[in-house]
Amino acid sequence: MFEKVRLLMEETGCEQGEAELALELADNDLEKAIKTIGSLLRHIVALKGKLNFYEKSLYGLLLIVINTKSQEILRLHTVVTYNPGLYENSPEMDWYALEKMIFSYRLDAGSLPDFTQELEQKLTPYLLGKKDTLVKCDPAEIKALLLEFLAPDKVNISLFAEELNLTEFRRLPSNETVNERSKIHDTEPGTVWLEVDLLEDADGKELNKLAEGETVLSRITDTRDIAHYLAHLIGGQKESEKIPLPAVIKKIAFGDNESEVQVHYAPGIIGIAKVKNDVKIKLLEPKEESWWKKIIPWT
């Protein structure tokens, strides 16, 4: 019995008491206990909120998913926009539905991608520096932290907590957290990585001459459900057909025979393409910036 408890603790990261309970419920069957223990581990809380920067007529949605046991932020997503329709949504919705809504509004014409990205990048380390308060996941205390972080801006914040067990959190089709993927690639927390191809062109530009900031033509090849959803949002898929999509080169890691190209679609959505070094890539002329980017001083 003790050996099974030890193995279960090593396999799932649970405590001894949790392992013993799982084995008891599974009639001492280790394999069954491993599969079912996720429903017992309730160390994950989703904090869901909406924000109104009422002096600036800006509106936002916020999702923070916290592992209270490991004191980690598993997800932190937000979006800020001029669209007041966003504020009509209730943050009490299911956490995964809120996450998808955030990605959808990021692609809205009135969204502020640079402001959104900067907010995420600065908020994560700020909250991790307040772990004693963060891991309590008390909406009132987290709201106070957010108001302090956002000062001197005047903001109305509505915040709700949703407790999840490990199985509920891992219900994503890809069965992986964004945070796990970001350990592989150096980028901000919460980024969704999509597998993509870059379109070749005999009259295009050689791979080794490509530069960051240039716009290429890509096609999303990722087969995960979240990839299909995002592809529909950003115009890279129509029904079951994959549609070529412009993307801006973010980073290139050159190899001996093959290189990895990172391309940017929207805040928090990055494509990864494996490209042979001897091919030529189709380039596009960059489009003029949207009007709302030109009038916002921080973009």
Protein backbone atom coordinates (compact mmCIF):
# COMPACT_ATOMS: atom_id res chain seq x y z
CA MET A 1 0.00 0.00 0.00
CA PHE A 2 2.73 2.45 0.96
CA GLU A 3 4.55 1.84 -2.33
CA LYS A 4 1.41 2.63 -4.33
CA VAL A 5 0.89 5.79 -2.28
CA ARG A 6 4.46 6.86 -3.02
CA LEU A 7 4.12 6.15 -6.74
CA LEU A 8 0.83 8.03 -6.93
CA MET A 9 2.35 11.03 -5.15
CA GLU A 10 5.30 11.05 -7.56
CA GLU A 11 3.08 10.65 -10.61
CA THR A 12 0.50 13.34 -9.78
CA GLY A 13 2.22 15.62 -7.26
CA CYS A 14 -0.57 15.06 -4.72
CA GLU A 15 -0.26 14.91 -0.95
CA GLN A 16 -0.11 11.61 0.98
CA GLY A 17 -3.67 11.96 2.29
CA GLU A 18 -4.98 12.66 -1.21
CA ALA A 19 -3.13 9.64 -2.59
CA GLU A 20 -4.51 7.37 0.13
CA LEU A 21 -8.06 8.59 -0.51
CA ALA A 22 -7.74 8.11 -4.28
CA LEU A 23 -6.47 4.55 -3.82
CA GLU A 24 -9.28 3.77 -1.41
CA LEU A 25 -11.89 5.04 -3.87
CA ALA A 26 -10.21 3.06 -6.69
CA ASP A 27 -10.15 -0.21 -4.67
CA ASN A 28 -6.36 0.02 -4.41
CA ASP A 29 -6.04 0.01 -8.23
CA LEU A 30 -3.08 2.32 -8.97
CA GLU A 31 -3.92 2.88 -12.65
CA LYS A 32 -7.52 3.79 -11.85
CA ALA A 33 -6.39 6.06 -9.01
CA ILE A 34 -4.08 7.97 -11.36
CA LYS A 35 -6.96 8.53 -13.79
CA THR A 36 -9.47 9.66 -11.15
CA ILE A 37 -7.35 11.69 -8.73
CA GLY A 38 -7.71 14.79 -10.87
CA SER A 39 -11.30 15.15 -9.65
CA LEU A 40 -10.05 15.27 -6.05
CA LEU A 41 -7.33 17.88 -6.48
CA ARG A 42 -9.02 21.23 -6.04
CA HIS A 43 -5.99 23.52 -6.01
CA ILE A 44 -6.95 25.61 -9.04
CA VAL A 45 -8.96 28.83 -9.00
CA ALA A 46 -10.01 30.92 -12.00
CA LEU A 47 -10.41 34.63 -11.24
CA LYS A 48 -12.68 36.19 -13.84
CA GLY A 49 -13.27 39.89 -14.16
CA LYS A 50 -14.28 42.88 -16.23
CA LEU A 51 -12.84 46.38 -16.05
CA ASN A 52 -14.08 49.85 -16.93
CA PHE A 53 -11.50 52.63 -17.25
CA TYR A 54 -14.34 55.14 -16.98
CA GLU A 55 -12.27 58.30 -17.44
CA LYS A 56 -10.83 56.94 -20.70
CA SER A 57 -13.93 55.09 -21.98
CA LEU A 58 -11.97 51.83 -22.13
CA TYR A 59 -13.31 48.38 -21.28
CA GLY A 60 -11.57 45.14 -20.42
CA LEU A 61 -11.92 41.46 -19.61
CA LEU A 62 -9.48 39.57 -17.37
CA LEU A 63 -8.78 35.91 -16.60
CA ILE A 64 -6.22 34.70 -14.05
CA VAL A 65 -5.92 30.96 -13.33
CA ILE A 66 -3.92 30.15 -10.20
CA ASN A 67 -2.56 26.91 -8.76
CA THR A 68 -2.84 27.67 -5.05
CA LYS A 69 -0.70 24.67 -4.11
CA SER A 70 2.32 25.45 -6.31
CA GLN A 71 1.63 29.22 -6.12
CA GLU A 72 1.86 29.51 -9.91
CA ILE A 73 -0.12 31.57 -12.40
CA LEU A 74 -1.21 29.00 -14.97
CA ARG A 75 -2.97 31.52 -17.22
CA LEU A 76 -3.26 35.28 -17.38
CA HIS A 77 -5.21 36.74 -20.28
CA THR A 78 -6.76 40.15 -20.75
CA VAL A 79 -8.08 42.43 -23.46
CA VAL A 80 -8.70 46.19 -23.44
CA THR A 81 -10.90 47.82 -26.06
CA TYR A 82 -12.96 50.89 -26.93
CA ASN A 83 -15.94 48.61 -27.61
CA PRO A 84 -18.51 49.14 -24.80
CA GLY A 85 -20.27 45.95 -25.88
CA LEU A 86 -17.51 43.98 -24.19
CA TYR A 87 -18.59 45.33 -20.81
CA GLU A 88 -22.07 43.86 -21.25
CA ASN A 89 -20.64 40.36 -20.80
CA SER A 90 -20.78 38.76 -17.37
CA PRO A 91 -17.47 37.45 -16.01
CA GLU A 92 -19.47 34.82 -14.10
CA MET A 93 -19.47 32.69 -17.27
CA ASP A 94 -17.45 29.46 -17.49
CA TRP A 95 -13.69 30.25 -17.34
CA TYR A 96 -12.94 28.58 -20.67
CA ALA A 97 -15.77 30.48 -22.40
CA LEU A 98 -14.32 33.71 -20.98
CA GLU A 99 -10.86 32.81 -22.28
CA LYS A 100 -12.23 32.26 -25.79
CA MET A 101 -14.15 35.54 -25.58
CA ILE A 102 -10.96 37.39 -24.63
CA PHE A 103 -9.20 36.03 -27.73
CA SER A 104 -12.20 37.01 -29.84
CA TYR A 105 -12.27 40.62 -28.59
CA ARG A 106 -8.50 40.94 -29.11
CA LEU A 107 -9.24 40.79 -32.82
CA ASP A 108 -12.03 43.36 -32.61
CA ALA A 109 -11.44 46.60 -34.53
CA GLY A 110 -11.48 48.68 -31.35
CA SER A 111 -9.04 46.61 -29.30
CA LEU A 112 -5.71 48.00 -28.09
CA PRO A 113 -3.20 45.17 -28.68
CA ASP A 114 -0.07 46.93 -27.44
CA PHE A 115 -1.77 48.19 -24.28
CA THR A 116 -3.24 44.72 -23.69
CA GLN A 117 0.13 43.04 -24.12
CA GLU A 118 1.91 45.51 -21.85
CA LEU A 119 -0.77 45.03 -19.19
CA GLU A 120 -0.29 41.25 -19.23
CA GLN A 121 3.49 41.46 -19.15
CA LYS A 122 3.57 43.80 -16.17
CA LEU A 123 0.67 42.31 -14.22
CA THR A 124 2.13 38.79 -14.03
CA PRO A 125 5.33 39.66 -12.10
CA TYR A 126 3.39 42.16 -9.97
CA LEU A 127 0.95 39.47 -8.79
CA LEU A 128 3.69 36.90 -8.26
CA GLY A 129 5.32 39.41 -5.96
CA LYS A 130 2.15 39.37 -3.85
CA LYS A 131 1.87 35.59 -3.44
CA ASP A 132 0.54 35.69 0.11
CA THR A 133 -2.52 37.53 -1.13
CA LEU A 134 -2.63 35.89 -4.54
CA VAL A 135 -2.93 32.29 -3.34
CA LYS A 136 -5.92 33.15 -1.11
CA CYS A 137 -7.83 33.89 -4.34
CA ASP A 138 -10.19 36.17 -2.45
CA PRO A 139 -11.92 38.38 -5.07
CA ALA A 140 -12.02 41.41 -2.75
CA GLU A 141 -8.30 41.20 -1.95
CA ILE A 142 -7.31 40.57 -5.59
CA LYS A 143 -9.48 43.52 -6.63
CA ALA A 144 -7.55 45.72 -4.19
CA LEU A 145 -4.27 44.54 -5.75
CA LEU A 146 -5.55 45.29 -9.24
CA LEU A 147 -6.69 48.79 -8.26
CA GLU A 148 -3.26 49.44 -6.77
CA PHE A 149 -1.54 48.11 -9.89
CA LEU A 150 -3.70 50.15 -12.29
CA ALA A 151 -3.40 53.42 -10.35
CA PRO A 152 -3.55 56.31 -11.11
CA ASP A 153 -6.16 55.17 -13.65
CA LYS A 154 -9.70 55.14 -12.26
CA VAL A 155 -11.16 51.69 -12.84
CA ASN A 156 -14.36 49.87 -11.91
CA ILE A 157 -13.62 46.16 -11.42
CA SER A 158 -16.01 43.23 -11.07
CA LEU A 159 -14.24 40.01 -10.06
CA PHE A 160 -15.48 36.47 -9.47
CA ALA A 161 -13.75 33.22 -8.45
CA GLU A 162 -14.40 29.76 -9.92
CA GLU A 163 -12.84 26.76 -8.17
CA LEU A 164 -11.67 23.96 -10.47
CA ASN A 165 -10.30 20.50 -9.93
CA LEU A 166 -7.39 19.26 -11.98
CA THR A 167 -9.61 17.29 -14.37
CA GLU A 168 -11.78 20.33 -15.10
CA PHE A 169 -8.74 22.46 -15.83
CA ARG A 170 -7.19 19.87 -18.12
CA ARG A 171 -10.31 19.44 -20.21
CA LEU A 172 -8.77 21.39 -23.10
CA PRO A 173 -8.49 19.26 -26.26
CA SER A 174 -4.75 19.78 -26.40
CA ASN A 175 -4.41 18.49 -22.81
CA GLU A 176 -1.67 21.02 -22.16
CA THR A 177 -1.50 24.42 -20.53
CA VAL A 178 -0.20 27.42 -22.37
CA ASN A 179 2.29 27.89 -19.57
CA GLU A 180 3.86 24.50 -20.34
CA ARG A 181 4.38 25.51 -23.96
CA SER A 182 5.89 28.86 -23.03
CA LYS A 183 8.68 27.08 -21.19
CA ILE A 184 9.91 25.87 -24.58
CA HIS A 185 9.77 29.25 -26.30
CA ASP A 186 10.92 32.49 -24.72
CA THR A 187 7.85 34.72 -24.61
CA GLU A 188 5.27 36.27 -22.33
CA PRO A 189 3.08 33.99 -20.17
CA GLY A 190 -0.26 33.03 -21.66
CA THR A 191 0.83 32.85 -25.30
CA VAL A 192 -0.92 30.34 -27.57
CA TRP A 193 1.49 28.70 -30.02
CA LEU A 194 0.16 27.47 -33.37
CA GLU A 195 1.92 25.21 -35.84
CA VAL A 196 2.02 26.96 -39.22
CA ASP A 197 3.60 26.78 -42.66
CA LEU A 198 5.07 29.71 -44.58
CA LEU A 199 4.10 29.92 -48.24
CA GLU A 200 6.96 29.48 -50.67
CA ASP A 201 7.49 31.59 -53.77
CA ALA A 202 10.07 31.02 -56.51
CA ASP A 203 10.36 34.81 -56.82
CA GLY A 204 10.28 35.37 -53.09
CA LYS A 205 12.97 36.17 -50.55
CA GLU A 206 15.58 33.67 -49.40
CA LEU A 207 15.05 32.47 -45.86
CA ASN A 208 18.47 33.60 -44.63
CA LYS A 209 17.70 37.14 -45.83
CA LEU A 210 14.40 37.47 -43.99
CA ALA A 211 14.28 40.02 -41.18
CA GLU A 212 12.13 40.57 -38.11
CA GLY A 213 9.18 42.84 -38.84
CA GLU A 214 8.69 41.67 -42.44
CA THR A 215 5.25 40.36 -43.40
CA VAL A 216 4.97 36.87 -44.85
CA LEU A 217 2.09 34.71 -46.03
CA SER A 218 1.33 31.76 -43.76
CA ARG A 219 -1.12 28.92 -43.35
CA ILE A 220 -2.19 27.52 -39.96
CA THR A 221 -1.68 23.74 -39.96
CA ASP A 222 -2.25 23.08 -36.25
CA THR A 223 -4.95 20.42 -35.78
CA ARG A 224 -5.98 21.18 -32.18
CA ASP A 225 -9.51 22.47 -31.50
CA ILE A 226 -8.19 25.69 -29.97
CA ALA A 227 -6.14 26.21 -33.15
CA HIS A 228 -9.23 25.77 -35.35
CA TYR A 229 -11.12 28.24 -33.17
CA LEU A 230 -8.37 30.88 -33.35
CA ALA A 231 -7.88 30.29 -37.08
CA HIS A 232 -11.57 31.11 -37.63
CA LEU A 233 -11.22 34.26 -35.52
CA ILE A 234 -8.21 35.65 -37.35
CA GLY A 235 -9.44 34.66 -40.80
CA GLY A 236 -7.14 31.70 -41.42
CA GLN A 237 -9.89 29.15 -41.90
CA LYS A 238 -13.23 29.09 -43.68
CA GLU A 239 -15.27 26.00 -42.81
CA SER A 240 -12.69 23.21 -43.28
CA GLU A 241 -10.49 25.12 -45.74
CA LYS A 242 -7.21 26.63 -44.58
CA ILE A 243 -6.77 30.17 -45.93
CA PRO A 244 -3.36 31.91 -46.36
CA LEU A 245 -2.94 34.59 -43.74
CA PRO A 246 -0.48 37.52 -43.41
CA ALA A 247 1.81 37.33 -40.37
CA VAL A 248 4.69 39.46 -39.10
CA ILE A 249 8.05 37.79 -38.44
CA LYS A 250 8.81 38.00 -34.72
CA LYS A 251 11.98 35.91 -34.46
CA ILE A 252 14.13 33.54 -36.56
CA ALA A 253 16.31 30.77 -35.12
CA PHE A 254 18.62 29.56 -37.89
CA GLY A 255 19.76 25.92 -37.99
CA ASP A 256 22.10 23.92 -40.22
CA ASN A 257 19.45 22.60 -42.62
CA GLU A 258 16.21 23.91 -41.16
CA SER A 259 15.23 27.05 -39.28
CA GLU A 260 12.40 27.99 -36.93
CA VAL A 261 10.43 31.13 -37.72
CA GLN A 262 8.10 32.71 -35.16
CA VAL A 263 5.33 34.87 -36.62
CA HIS A 264 2.91 37.18 -34.84
CA TYR A 265 -0.85 37.24 -35.54
CA ALA A 266 -2.28 39.09 -32.53
CA PRO A 267 -1.35 39.64 -28.88
CA GLY A 268 -0.93 36.20 -27.34
CA ILE A 269 -1.17 34.33 -30.68
CA ILE A 270 2.14 33.23 -32.21
CA GLY A 271 2.83 30.84 -35.10
CA ILE A 272 5.83 28.52 -35.31
CA ALA A 273 7.05 27.37 -38.73
CA LYS A 274 9.82 24.89 -39.50
CA VAL A 275 11.36 25.98 -42.81
CA LYS A 276 14.14 24.42 -44.91
CA ASN A 277 16.99 26.85 -45.42
CA ASP A 278 17.06 26.55 -49.22
CA VAL A 279 13.51 27.81 -49.88
CA LYS A 280 12.24 31.27 -50.81
CA ILE A 281 9.34 32.78 -48.87
CA LYS A 282 6.51 34.94 -50.20
CA LEU A 283 6.58 38.46 -48.75
CA LEU A 284 3.73 40.95 -48.48
CA GLU A 285 3.80 44.71 -48.22
CA PRO A 286 2.79 45.78 -44.68
CA LYS A 287 -0.68 47.32 -44.42
CA GLU A 288 -1.25 50.82 -43.11
CA GLU A 289 -1.96 50.91 -39.37
CA SER A 290 -5.54 51.11 -38.18
CA TRP A 291 -6.79 54.59 -37.33
CA TRP A 292 -7.24 53.81 -33.64
CA LYS A 293 -3.57 52.86 -33.29
CA LYS A 294 -2.50 56.27 -34.54
CA ILE A 295 -4.46 58.27 -31.98
CA ILE A 296 -3.53 56.23 -28.87
CA PRO A 297 -0.28 57.58 -27.41
CA TRP A 298 0.88 54.26 -25.86
CA THR A 299 0.53 52.12 -29.00
